[in-house]
PDB file of N, CA and C in Angstrom:
ATOM      1  N   MET A   1      18.667 -18.575   9.181  1.00  0.00           N
ATOM      2  CA  MET A   1      18.693 -17.611   8.076  1.00  0.00           C
ATOM      3  C   MET A   1      20.105 -17.432   7.532  1.00  0.00           C
ATOM      4  N   GLN A   2      21.044 -18.270   7.980  1.00  0.00           N
ATOM      5  CA  GLN A   2      22.423 -18.094   7.543  1.00  0.00           C
ATOM      6  C   GLN A   2      22.643 -18.626   6.133  1.00  0.00           C
ATOM      7  N   HIS A   3      21.936 -19.701   5.755  1.00  0.00           N
ATOM      8  CA  HIS A   3      22.230 -20.355   4.485  1.00  0.00           C
ATOM      9  C   HIS A   3      21.392 -19.798   3.334  1.00  0.00           C
ATOM     10  N   ILE A   4      21.278 -18.473   3.264  1.00  0.00           N
ATOM     11  CA  ILE A   4      20.600 -17.853   2.117  1.00  0.00           C
ATOM     12  C   ILE A   4      21.642 -17.599   1.037  1.00  0.00           C
ATOM     13  N   SER A   5      21.280 -17.873  -0.202  1.00  0.00           N
ATOM     14  CA  SER A   5      22.250 -17.774  -1.288  1.00  0.00           C
ATOM     15  C   SER A   5      22.544 -16.324  -1.662  1.00  0.00           C
ATOM     16  N   LEU A   6      21.699 -15.395  -1.220  1.00  0.00           N
ATOM     17  CA  LEU A   6      21.938 -13.992  -1.547  1.00  0.00           C
ATOM     18  C   LEU A   6      23.151 -13.462  -0.800  1.00  0.00           C
ATOM     19  N   PRO A   7      23.840 -12.489  -1.375  1.00  0.00           N
ATOM     20  CA  PRO A   7      24.954 -11.855  -0.662  1.00  0.00           C
ATOM     21  C   PRO A   7      24.450 -11.155   0.592  1.00  0.00           C
ATOM     22  N   ARG A   8      25.267 -11.156   1.608  1.00  0.00           N
ATOM     23  CA  ARG A   8      24.821 -10.621   2.889  1.00  0.00           C
ATOM     24  C   ARG A   8      24.590  -9.117   2.834  1.00  0.00           C
ATOM     25  N   THR A   9      25.394  -8.404   2.089  1.00  0.00           N
ATOM     26  CA  THR A   9      25.262  -6.949   2.056  1.00  0.00           C
ATOM     27  C   THR A   9      24.011  -6.541   1.282  1.00  0.00           C
ATOM     28  N   ASN A  10      23.635  -7.328   0.305  1.00  0.00           N
ATOM     29  CA  ASN A  10      22.515  -6.978  -0.554  1.00  0.00           C
ATOM     30  C   ASN A  10      21.177  -7.299   0.084  1.00  0.00           C
ATOM     31  N   TYR A  11      21.156  -8.254   0.991  1.00  0.00           N
ATOM     32  CA  TYR A  11      19.890  -8.775   1.500  1.00  0.00           C
ATOM     33  C   TYR A  11      19.071  -7.748   2.282  1.00  0.00           C
ATOM     34  N   PRO A  12      19.652  -7.023   3.248  1.00  0.00           N
ATOM     35  CA  PRO A  12      18.847  -6.056   4.008  1.00  0.00           C
ATOM     36  C   PRO A  12      18.261  -4.967   3.124  1.00  0.00           C
ATOM     37  N   ALA A  13      19.010  -4.529   2.120  1.00  0.00           N
ATOM     38  CA  ALA A  13      18.510  -3.487   1.230  1.00  0.00           C
ATOM     39  C   ALA A  13      17.267  -3.975   0.488  1.00  0.00           C
ATOM     40  N   CYS A  14      17.323  -5.217   0.006  1.00  0.00           N
ATOM     41  CA  CYS A  14      16.163  -5.784  -0.683  1.00  0.00           C
ATOM     42  C   CYS A  14      14.976  -5.861   0.261  1.00  0.00           C
ATOM     43  N   CYS A  15      15.218  -6.329   1.465  1.00  0.00           N
ATOM     44  CA  CYS A  15      14.145  -6.418   2.458  1.00  0.00           C
ATOM     45  C   CYS A  15      13.541  -5.052   2.705  1.00  0.00           C
ATOM     46  N   TYR A  16      14.415  -4.057   2.849  1.00  0.00           N
ATOM     47  CA  TYR A  16      13.948  -2.708   3.147  1.00  0.00           C
ATOM     48  C   TYR A  16      13.089  -2.178   2.005  1.00  0.00           C
ATOM     49  N   LYS A  17      13.551  -2.371   0.765  1.00  0.00           N
ATOM     50  CA  LYS A  17      12.780  -1.906  -0.391  1.00  0.00           C
ATOM     51  C   LYS A  17      11.423  -2.579  -0.443  1.00  0.00           C
ATOM     52  N   LEU A  18      11.408  -3.888  -0.198  1.00  0.00           N
ATOM     53  CA  LEU A  18      10.134  -4.612  -0.207  1.00  0.00           C
ATOM     54  C   LEU A  18       9.204  -4.085   0.875  1.00  0.00           C
ATOM     55  N   CYS A  19       9.753  -3.862   2.071  1.00  0.00           N
ATOM     56  CA  CYS A  19       8.923  -3.354   3.170  1.00  0.00           C
ATOM     57  C   CYS A  19       8.343  -1.999   2.811  1.00  0.00           C
ATOM     58  N   VAL A  20       9.173  -1.111   2.275  1.00  0.00           N
ATOM     59  CA  VAL A  20       8.706   0.226   1.900  1.00  0.00           C
ATOM     60  C   VAL A  20       7.639   0.123   0.825  1.00  0.00           C
ATOM     61  N   TYR A  21       7.893  -0.746  -0.173  1.00  0.00           N
ATOM     62  CA  TYR A  21       6.950  -0.903  -1.276  1.00  0.00           C
ATOM     63  C   TYR A  21       5.597  -1.390  -0.773  1.00  0.00           C
ATOM     64  N   TYR A  22       5.631  -2.381   0.111  1.00  0.00           N
ATOM     65  CA  TYR A  22       4.370  -2.932   0.618  1.00  0.00           C
ATOM     66  C   TYR A  22       3.627  -1.919   1.482  1.00  0.00           C
ATOM     67  N   SER A  23       4.363  -1.156   2.294  1.00  0.00           N
ATOM     68  CA  SER A  23       3.696  -0.149   3.127  1.00  0.00           C
ATOM     69  C   SER A  23       3.083   0.934   2.250  1.00  0.00           C
ATOM     70  N   LEU A  24       3.788   1.319   1.179  1.00  0.00           N
ATOM     71  CA  LEU A  24       3.238   2.298   0.239  1.00  0.00           C
ATOM     72  C   LEU A  24       1.967   1.766  -0.390  1.00  0.00           C
ATOM     73  N   LEU A  25       2.005   0.509  -0.839  1.00  0.00           N
ATOM     74  CA  LEU A  25       0.819  -0.095  -1.437  1.00  0.00           C
ATOM     75  C   LEU A  25      -0.340  -0.093  -0.454  1.00  0.00           C
ATOM     76  N   ARG A  26      -0.047  -0.446   0.787  1.00  0.00           N
ATOM     77  CA  ARG A  26      -1.108  -0.538   1.789  1.00  0.00           C
ATOM     78  C   ARG A  26      -1.740   0.837   2.018  1.00  0.00           C
ATOM     79  N   THR A  27      -0.892   1.869   2.185  1.00  0.00           N
ATOM     80  CA  THR A  27      -1.431   3.206   2.441  1.00  0.00           C
ATOM     81  C   THR A  27      -2.190   3.704   1.223  1.00  0.00           C
ATOM     82  N   ARG A  28      -1.681   3.414   0.024  1.00  0.00           N
ATOM     83  CA  ARG A  28      -2.362   3.865  -1.189  1.00  0.00           C
ATOM     84  C   ARG A  28      -3.723   3.200  -1.298  1.00  0.00           C
ATOM     85  N   ARG A  29      -3.786   1.913  -0.981  1.00  0.00           N
ATOM     86  CA  ARG A  29      -5.058   1.195  -1.038  1.00  0.00           C
ATOM     87  C   ARG A  29      -6.043   1.799  -0.036  1.00  0.00           C
ATOM     88  N   ALA A  30      -5.537   2.136   1.154  1.00  0.00           N
ATOM     89  CA  ALA A  30      -6.403   2.728   2.182  1.00  0.00           C
ATOM     90  C   ALA A  30      -6.952   4.071   1.707  1.00  0.00           C
ATOM     91  N   THR A  31      -6.087   4.908   1.132  1.00  0.00           N
ATOM     92  CA  THR A  31      -6.550   6.217   0.673  1.00  0.00           C
ATOM     93  C   THR A  31      -7.513   6.057  -0.491  1.00  0.00           C
ATOM     94  N   ASN A  32      -7.267   5.087  -1.364  1.00  0.00           N
ATOM     95  CA  ASN A  32      -8.185   4.826  -2.470  1.00  0.00           C
ATOM     96  C   ASN A  32      -9.558   4.437  -1.952  1.00  0.00           C
ATOM     97  N   ALA A  33      -9.597   3.567  -0.964  1.00  0.00           N
ATOM     98  CA  ALA A  33     -10.872   3.133  -0.402  1.00  0.00           C
ATOM     99  C   ALA A  33     -11.601   4.321   0.213  1.00  0.00           C
ATOM    100  N   ARG A  34     -10.874   5.163   0.930  1.00  0.00           N
ATOM    101  CA  ARG A  34     -11.485   6.331   1.554  1.00  0.00           C
ATOM    102  C   ARG A  34     -12.056   7.254   0.475  1.00  0.00           C
ATOM    103  N   TYR A  35     -11.275   7.447  -0.589  1.00  0.00           N
ATOM    104  CA  TYR A  35     -11.707   8.325  -1.676  1.00  0.00           C
ATOM    105  C   TYR A  35     -12.960   7.776  -2.342  1.00  0.00           C
ATOM    106  N   LEU A  36     -12.986   6.461  -2.558  1.00  0.00           N
ATOM    107  CA  LEU A  36     -14.144   5.839  -3.201  1.00  0.00           C
ATOM    108  C   LEU A  36     -15.391   5.993  -2.344  1.00  0.00           C
ATOM    109  N   THR A  37     -15.270   5.789  -1.042  1.00  0.00           N
ATOM    110  CA  THR A  37     -16.444   5.935  -0.179  1.00  0.00           C
ATOM    111  C   THR A  37     -16.911   7.385  -0.180  1.00  0.00           C
ATOM    112  N   GLN A  38     -15.968   8.322  -0.225  1.00  0.00           N
ATOM    113  CA  GLN A  38     -16.332   9.734  -0.277  1.00  0.00           C
ATOM    114  C   GLN A  38     -17.117  10.016  -1.556  1.00  0.00           C
ATOM    115  N   MET A  39     -16.639   9.473  -2.680  1.00  0.00           N
ATOM    116  CA  MET A  39     -17.330   9.658  -3.954  1.00  0.00           C
ATOM    117  C   MET A  39     -18.740   9.091  -3.874  1.00  0.00           C
ATOM    118  N   GLN A  40     -18.883   7.905  -3.311  1.00  0.00           N
ATOM    119  CA  GLN A  40     -20.205   7.285  -3.193  1.00  0.00           C
ATOM    120  C   GLN A  40     -21.129   8.149  -2.348  1.00  0.00           C
ATOM    121  N   ASP A  41     -20.606   8.721  -1.268  1.00  0.00           N
ATOM    122  CA  ASP A  41     -21.414   9.603  -0.428  1.00  0.00           C
ATOM    123  C   ASP A  41     -21.887  10.807  -1.232  1.00  0.00           C
ATOM    124  N   ASN A  42     -20.992  11.397  -2.020  1.00  0.00           N
ATOM    125  CA  ASN A  42     -21.372  12.546  -2.838  1.00  0.00           C
ATOM    126  C   ASN A  42     -22.447  12.159  -3.842  1.00  0.00           C
ATOM    127  N   VAL A  43     -22.298  10.996  -4.462  1.00  0.00           N
ATOM    128  CA  VAL A  43     -23.269  10.549  -5.463  1.00  0.00           C
ATOM    129  C   VAL A  43     -24.631  10.322  -4.824  1.00  0.00           C
ATOM    130  N   THR A  44     -24.651   9.701  -3.659  1.00  0.00           N
ATOM    131  CA  THR A  44     -25.939   9.449  -2.999  1.00  0.00           C
ATOM    132  C   THR A  44     -26.585  10.771  -2.594  1.00  0.00           C
ATOM    133  N   GLU A  45     -25.781  11.729  -2.147  1.00  0.00           N
ATOM    134  CA  GLU A  45     -26.335  13.043  -1.794  1.00  0.00           C
ATOM    135  C   GLU A  45     -26.956  13.694  -3.019  1.00  0.00           C
ATOM    136  N   LEU A  46     -26.276  13.605  -4.155  1.00  0.00           N
ATOM    137  CA  LEU A  46     -26.814  14.166  -5.397  1.00  0.00           C
ATOM    138  C   LEU A  46     -28.110  13.465  -5.779  1.00  0.00           C
ATOM    139  N   ALA A  47     -28.133  12.147  -5.636  1.00  0.00           N
ATOM    140  CA  ALA A  47     -29.323  11.386  -6.019  1.00  0.00           C
ATOM    141  C   ALA A  47     -30.503  11.734  -5.114  1.00  0.00           C
ATOM    142  N   ILE A  48     -30.223  11.936  -3.828  1.00  0.00           N
ATOM    143  CA  ILE A  48     -31.307  12.271  -2.894  1.00  0.00           C
ATOM    144  C   ILE A  48     -31.861  13.659  -3.213  1.00  0.00           C
ATOM    145  N   SER A  49     -30.992  14.615  -3.466  1.00  0.00           N
ATOM    146  CA  SER A  49     -31.419  15.987  -3.746  1.00  0.00           C
ATOM    147  C   SER A  49     -31.789  16.119  -5.222  1.00  0.00           C
TER     148      SER A  49
END
């Protein structure tokens, strides 16, 4: 990993931002899925009643 053309000081910051961004995306996707399933449950309950 020594022969990367990026400056050494800049590289960890970029990695960190990418990691944070991806973790945010992952958690947001998880919460979205949970919310969608909750909505579907509510809709089915309404349809049954």
